[in-house]
N, C-alpha and C. Protein backbone atom coordinates (compact mmCIF):
# COMPACT_ATOMS: atom_id res chain seq x y z
N MET A 1 11.56 33.77 -1.63
CA MET A 1 10.84 34.97 -1.45
C MET A 1 10.52 35.22 -0.04
N GLY A 2 10.93 36.23 0.51
CA GLY A 2 10.63 36.67 1.88
C GLY A 2 9.29 37.08 2.11
N THR A 3 8.85 36.93 3.36
CA THR A 3 7.47 37.41 3.74
C THR A 3 7.61 38.72 4.46
N ALA A 4 6.74 39.57 4.24
CA ALA A 4 6.56 40.85 4.98
C ALA A 4 5.24 40.92 5.66
N SER A 5 5.24 41.49 6.75
CA SER A 5 3.91 41.78 7.41
C SER A 5 3.24 42.94 6.98
N CYS A 6 1.89 42.95 6.86
CA CYS A 6 1.14 44.10 6.42
C CYS A 6 0.10 44.27 7.50
N LYS A 7 0.03 45.60 7.97
CA LYS A 7 -0.95 45.90 9.02
C LYS A 7 -2.26 46.21 8.45
N ARG A 8 -2.36 46.39 7.14
CA ARG A 8 -3.67 46.69 6.53
C ARG A 8 -4.20 45.47 5.99
N THR A 9 -5.46 45.26 6.07
CA THR A 9 -6.21 44.20 5.56
C THR A 9 -6.93 44.62 4.28
N CYS A 10 -6.71 43.89 3.27
CA CYS A 10 -7.38 44.25 1.99
C CYS A 10 -8.27 43.10 1.55
N ASN A 11 -9.31 43.49 0.93
CA ASN A 11 -10.27 42.49 0.38
C ASN A 11 -10.25 42.55 -1.10
N LEU A 12 -9.41 41.73 -1.74
CA LEU A 12 -9.22 41.76 -3.19
C LEU A 12 -9.70 40.45 -3.76
N PRO A 13 -10.48 40.52 -4.79
CA PRO A 13 -10.98 39.35 -5.41
C PRO A 13 -9.85 38.69 -6.33
N PHE A 14 -9.28 37.61 -5.81
CA PHE A 14 -8.36 36.86 -6.56
C PHE A 14 -8.98 35.63 -7.23
N THR A 15 -8.62 35.37 -8.50
CA THR A 15 -9.01 34.18 -9.19
C THR A 15 -8.03 33.09 -8.92
N PHE A 16 -8.32 31.90 -9.16
CA PHE A 16 -7.46 30.71 -9.06
C PHE A 16 -6.26 31.03 -9.94
N GLU A 17 -6.45 31.47 -11.10
CA GLU A 17 -5.35 31.71 -12.08
C GLU A 17 -4.42 32.84 -11.42
N ASP A 18 -4.99 33.82 -10.73
CA ASP A 18 -4.11 34.86 -10.10
C ASP A 18 -3.25 34.16 -9.06
N VAL A 19 -3.78 33.39 -8.27
CA VAL A 19 -3.05 32.70 -7.14
C VAL A 19 -2.00 31.84 -7.82
N LEU A 20 -2.45 31.06 -8.82
CA LEU A 20 -1.41 30.15 -9.49
C LEU A 20 -0.25 30.85 -10.03
N LYS A 21 -0.59 32.06 -10.70
CA LYS A 21 0.43 32.81 -11.19
C LYS A 21 1.44 33.35 -10.14
N LEU A 22 0.96 33.65 -9.02
CA LEU A 22 1.66 34.06 -7.82
C LEU A 22 2.58 32.94 -7.36
N VAL A 23 1.92 31.79 -7.19
CA VAL A 23 2.68 30.62 -6.68
C VAL A 23 3.85 30.27 -7.61
N LYS A 24 3.56 30.40 -8.90
CA LYS A 24 4.71 30.03 -9.95
C LYS A 24 5.81 30.98 -9.73
N SER A 25 5.63 32.14 -9.12
CA SER A 25 6.73 33.05 -8.99
C SER A 25 7.53 32.86 -7.78
N PHE A 26 6.96 31.89 -6.88
CA PHE A 26 7.75 31.63 -5.64
C PHE A 26 9.05 30.92 -5.81
N SER A 27 9.95 30.96 -4.93
CA SER A 27 11.14 30.15 -4.98
C SER A 27 10.72 28.70 -4.66
N ILE A 28 11.62 27.75 -4.96
CA ILE A 28 11.33 26.40 -4.69
C ILE A 28 11.14 26.11 -3.28
N GLU A 29 11.91 26.84 -2.37
CA GLU A 29 11.76 26.62 -0.96
C GLU A 29 10.32 27.12 -0.48
N ASP A 30 9.86 28.23 -0.96
CA ASP A 30 8.54 28.61 -0.68
C ASP A 30 7.44 27.75 -1.18
N LYS A 31 7.70 27.15 -2.37
CA LYS A 31 6.71 26.22 -2.92
C LYS A 31 6.63 24.98 -1.97
N VAL A 32 7.82 24.53 -1.54
CA VAL A 32 7.78 23.34 -0.69
C VAL A 32 6.99 23.61 0.67
N ARG A 33 7.19 24.85 1.18
CA ARG A 33 6.56 25.29 2.41
C ARG A 33 5.02 25.36 2.06
N LEU A 34 4.64 25.84 1.04
CA LEU A 34 3.21 25.95 0.62
C LEU A 34 2.70 24.55 0.39
N GLU A 35 3.38 23.74 -0.11
CA GLU A 35 2.92 22.34 -0.37
C GLU A 35 2.60 21.66 0.97
N LYS A 36 3.46 21.82 1.96
CA LYS A 36 3.36 21.22 3.29
C LYS A 36 2.16 21.81 4.01
N GLU A 37 1.85 23.06 3.84
CA GLU A 37 0.73 23.65 4.39
C GLU A 37 -0.59 23.19 3.79
N LEU A 38 -0.51 23.05 2.39
CA LEU A 38 -1.70 22.48 1.74
C LEU A 38 -1.98 21.04 2.07
N GLU A 39 -0.86 20.34 2.31
CA GLU A 39 -1.15 18.87 2.73
C GLU A 39 -1.80 18.91 4.10
N LYS A 40 -1.40 19.72 4.96
CA LYS A 40 -2.09 19.78 6.33
C LYS A 40 -3.57 20.20 6.22
N GLU A 41 -3.77 21.12 5.42
CA GLU A 41 -5.10 21.67 5.22
C GLU A 41 -6.04 20.59 4.67
N THR A 42 -5.55 19.77 3.73
CA THR A 42 -6.41 18.88 2.94
C THR A 42 -6.28 17.42 3.44
N LEU A 43 -5.63 17.23 4.44
CA LEU A 43 -5.50 15.80 5.00
C LEU A 43 -6.81 15.13 5.28
N GLY A 44 -7.70 15.73 6.05
CA GLY A 44 -8.96 15.15 6.41
C GLY A 44 -9.79 14.83 5.18
N TYR A 45 -9.83 15.89 4.26
CA TYR A 45 -10.57 15.69 2.99
C TYR A 45 -10.09 14.53 2.17
N ARG A 46 -8.75 14.43 1.97
CA ARG A 46 -8.20 13.42 1.18
C ARG A 46 -8.34 12.03 1.78
N SER A 47 -8.30 11.97 3.08
CA SER A 47 -8.47 10.61 3.83
C SER A 47 -9.94 10.17 3.68
N ARG A 48 -10.91 11.16 3.81
CA ARG A 48 -12.28 10.81 3.59
C ARG A 48 -12.55 10.25 2.19
N LYS A 49 -12.02 10.91 1.25
CA LYS A 49 -12.14 10.53 -0.18
C LYS A 49 -11.59 9.09 -0.43
N MET A 50 -10.39 8.87 0.20
CA MET A 50 -9.76 7.59 0.00
C MET A 50 -10.55 6.46 0.70
N SER A 51 -11.21 6.71 1.86
CA SER A 51 -11.97 5.76 2.54
C SER A 51 -13.22 5.48 1.68
N GLU A 52 -13.73 6.36 1.00
CA GLU A 52 -14.98 6.13 0.21
C GLU A 52 -14.64 5.23 -0.95
N ARG A 53 -13.39 5.28 -1.50
CA ARG A 53 -13.07 4.47 -2.68
C ARG A 53 -12.65 3.07 -2.26
N ILE A 54 -12.23 2.78 -0.98
CA ILE A 54 -11.83 1.56 -0.57
C ILE A 54 -13.05 0.64 -0.33
N LYS A 55 -13.11 -0.46 -0.94
CA LYS A 55 -14.22 -1.41 -0.75
C LYS A 55 -13.84 -2.26 0.46
N ALA A 56 -14.82 -2.68 1.26
CA ALA A 56 -14.64 -3.54 2.37
C ALA A 56 -14.12 -4.92 1.92
N ASN A 57 -13.38 -5.53 2.64
CA ASN A 57 -12.78 -6.82 2.32
C ASN A 57 -13.48 -7.89 3.25
N ASP A 58 -14.38 -8.61 2.60
CA ASP A 58 -15.11 -9.55 3.31
C ASP A 58 -14.68 -11.07 2.95
N LEU A 59 -13.37 -11.15 2.52
CA LEU A 59 -12.84 -12.48 2.26
C LEU A 59 -12.52 -13.15 3.54
N THR A 60 -12.71 -14.44 3.58
CA THR A 60 -12.33 -15.25 4.66
C THR A 60 -11.07 -16.13 4.31
N THR A 61 -10.46 -16.72 5.20
CA THR A 61 -9.40 -17.66 4.90
C THR A 61 -9.96 -18.84 4.15
N ASP A 62 -11.20 -19.32 4.54
CA ASP A 62 -11.76 -20.49 3.83
C ASP A 62 -12.02 -20.04 2.32
N ASP A 63 -12.47 -18.73 2.05
CA ASP A 63 -12.64 -18.33 0.60
C ASP A 63 -11.33 -18.42 -0.10
N ILE A 64 -10.28 -17.95 0.46
CA ILE A 64 -8.95 -17.93 -0.15
C ILE A 64 -8.46 -19.31 -0.42
N VAL A 65 -8.62 -20.20 0.57
CA VAL A 65 -8.17 -21.60 0.32
C VAL A 65 -8.95 -22.22 -0.73
N ALA A 66 -10.24 -22.02 -0.87
CA ALA A 66 -11.10 -22.62 -1.83
C ALA A 66 -10.68 -22.07 -3.30
N GLU A 67 -10.34 -20.82 -3.35
CA GLU A 67 -9.95 -20.14 -4.53
C GLU A 67 -8.64 -20.75 -5.05
N VAL A 68 -7.70 -20.91 -4.12
CA VAL A 68 -6.43 -21.45 -4.46
C VAL A 68 -6.51 -22.98 -4.89
N THR A 69 -7.34 -23.71 -4.17
CA THR A 69 -7.54 -25.08 -4.49
C THR A 69 -8.17 -25.16 -5.93
N GLU A 70 -9.17 -24.41 -6.19
CA GLU A 70 -9.76 -24.42 -7.44
C GLU A 70 -8.80 -24.05 -8.63
N TYR A 71 -7.97 -23.06 -8.36
CA TYR A 71 -6.93 -22.73 -9.32
C TYR A 71 -5.98 -23.89 -9.63
N ARG A 72 -5.54 -24.53 -8.55
CA ARG A 72 -4.48 -25.61 -8.67
C ARG A 72 -5.11 -26.74 -9.40
N GLU A 73 -6.43 -27.06 -9.07
CA GLU A 73 -7.09 -28.20 -9.77
C GLU A 73 -7.14 -27.92 -11.34
N LYS A 74 -7.49 -26.62 -11.61
CA LYS A 74 -7.62 -26.33 -13.03
C LYS A 74 -6.16 -26.38 -13.66
N ARG A 75 -5.27 -25.79 -12.97
CA ARG A 75 -3.89 -25.81 -13.58
C ARG A 75 -3.35 -27.26 -13.74
N ASN A 76 -3.64 -28.13 -12.78
CA ASN A 76 -3.18 -29.53 -12.91
C ASN A 76 -3.91 -30.28 -13.95
N ALA A 77 -5.18 -29.89 -14.14
CA ALA A 77 -5.90 -30.54 -15.28
C ALA A 77 -5.42 -30.19 -16.62
N LEU A 78 -4.89 -28.97 -16.78
CA LEU A 78 -4.32 -28.52 -18.10
C LEU A 78 -2.87 -29.08 -18.28
N GLN A 79 -2.24 -29.55 -17.17
CA GLN A 79 -0.86 -30.10 -17.26
C GLN A 79 -0.86 -31.46 -16.69
N PRO A 80 -1.28 -32.55 -17.53
CA PRO A 80 -1.36 -33.86 -16.97
C PRO A 80 -0.15 -34.43 -16.36
N ASN A 81 0.95 -33.96 -16.85
CA ASN A 81 2.33 -34.57 -16.38
C ASN A 81 2.83 -33.78 -15.15
N HIS A 82 2.07 -32.79 -14.82
CA HIS A 82 2.49 -31.83 -13.68
C HIS A 82 2.14 -32.53 -12.39
N LYS A 83 3.10 -32.69 -11.50
CA LYS A 83 2.86 -33.14 -10.22
C LYS A 83 2.99 -31.97 -9.18
N SER A 84 1.95 -31.85 -8.43
CA SER A 84 2.06 -30.78 -7.44
C SER A 84 3.01 -31.06 -6.38
N ARG A 85 3.79 -29.99 -6.06
CA ARG A 85 4.83 -30.13 -4.99
C ARG A 85 4.23 -30.45 -3.69
N ILE A 86 2.98 -29.82 -3.46
CA ILE A 86 2.37 -29.99 -2.18
C ILE A 86 1.10 -30.67 -2.45
N THR A 87 0.97 -31.91 -2.18
CA THR A 87 -0.27 -32.64 -2.43
C THR A 87 -1.03 -32.61 -1.16
N ASN A 88 -0.43 -32.66 -0.04
CA ASN A 88 -1.08 -32.72 1.23
C ASN A 88 -0.30 -31.68 2.17
N PRO A 89 -0.83 -30.59 2.43
CA PRO A 89 0.04 -29.61 3.29
C PRO A 89 0.46 -30.10 4.51
N GLU A 90 -0.39 -31.00 5.29
CA GLU A 90 -0.11 -31.47 6.59
C GLU A 90 1.15 -32.25 6.47
N SER A 91 1.17 -33.23 5.49
CA SER A 91 2.28 -34.17 5.39
C SER A 91 3.56 -33.34 4.99
N GLN A 92 3.41 -32.23 4.22
CA GLN A 92 4.53 -31.35 3.87
C GLN A 92 5.15 -30.80 5.08
N VAL A 93 4.32 -30.39 6.05
CA VAL A 93 4.82 -29.84 7.33
C VAL A 93 5.52 -30.92 8.12
N GLN A 94 4.99 -32.10 8.15
CA GLN A 94 5.60 -33.20 8.87
C GLN A 94 6.93 -33.54 8.32
N ASN A 95 7.05 -33.61 7.01
CA ASN A 95 8.29 -33.93 6.27
C ASN A 95 9.25 -32.93 6.61
N HIS A 96 8.92 -31.65 6.60
CA HIS A 96 9.93 -30.62 6.87
C HIS A 96 10.38 -30.70 8.25
N LYS A 97 9.50 -31.00 9.29
CA LYS A 97 9.93 -31.11 10.68
C LYS A 97 10.85 -32.34 10.78
N SER A 98 10.74 -33.32 10.14
CA SER A 98 11.58 -34.54 10.31
C SER A 98 12.93 -34.24 9.68
N ARG A 99 13.09 -33.27 8.74
CA ARG A 99 14.38 -32.96 8.14
C ARG A 99 15.14 -32.01 9.02
N VAL A 100 14.50 -31.25 9.80
CA VAL A 100 15.17 -30.16 10.57
C VAL A 100 15.94 -30.83 11.67
N THR A 101 17.16 -30.53 11.87
CA THR A 101 17.95 -31.13 12.87
C THR A 101 18.35 -30.09 13.83
N SER A 102 18.57 -30.52 15.08
CA SER A 102 18.95 -29.62 16.17
C SER A 102 20.45 -29.24 15.98
N PRO A 103 20.81 -28.08 16.63
CA PRO A 103 22.23 -27.72 16.47
C PRO A 103 23.11 -28.73 17.19
N GLU A 104 22.62 -29.47 18.21
CA GLU A 104 23.49 -30.32 18.88
C GLU A 104 23.75 -31.59 18.02
N SER A 105 22.80 -32.02 17.27
CA SER A 105 23.06 -33.17 16.46
C SER A 105 23.93 -32.91 15.26
N GLN A 106 23.97 -31.56 14.88
CA GLN A 106 24.90 -31.21 13.85
C GLN A 106 26.29 -31.14 14.33
N ILE A 107 26.55 -30.79 15.55
CA ILE A 107 27.82 -30.77 16.18
C ILE A 107 28.32 -32.19 16.34
N ASN A 108 27.49 -33.14 16.79
CA ASN A 108 27.96 -34.54 17.05
C ASN A 108 28.15 -35.33 15.73
N ASN A 109 27.73 -34.80 14.53
CA ASN A 109 27.95 -35.57 13.28
C ASN A 109 29.26 -35.17 12.69
């Protein structure tokens, strides 16, 4: 739908349904253009509403570690034959480091 300029200003009372009916008559290209304009117009409002819904995150790393530890203890208590793959994270890191070989040692072997 092409747009034409009008030099006369009219003050007509449109209802939302009138505007909606008009928008439904637009081509898909004009609807996309209108959508982009509406997004620009409402960006500030939508971002404020989203900020109001988002709760502050006051979790610390210690909280997360405690939660994971508690979960693992409960899980392990329910599965008596289950052995945790990582019993001591520090030893796991050391074991991994000792298994990593340098590129030079791989060439020499």
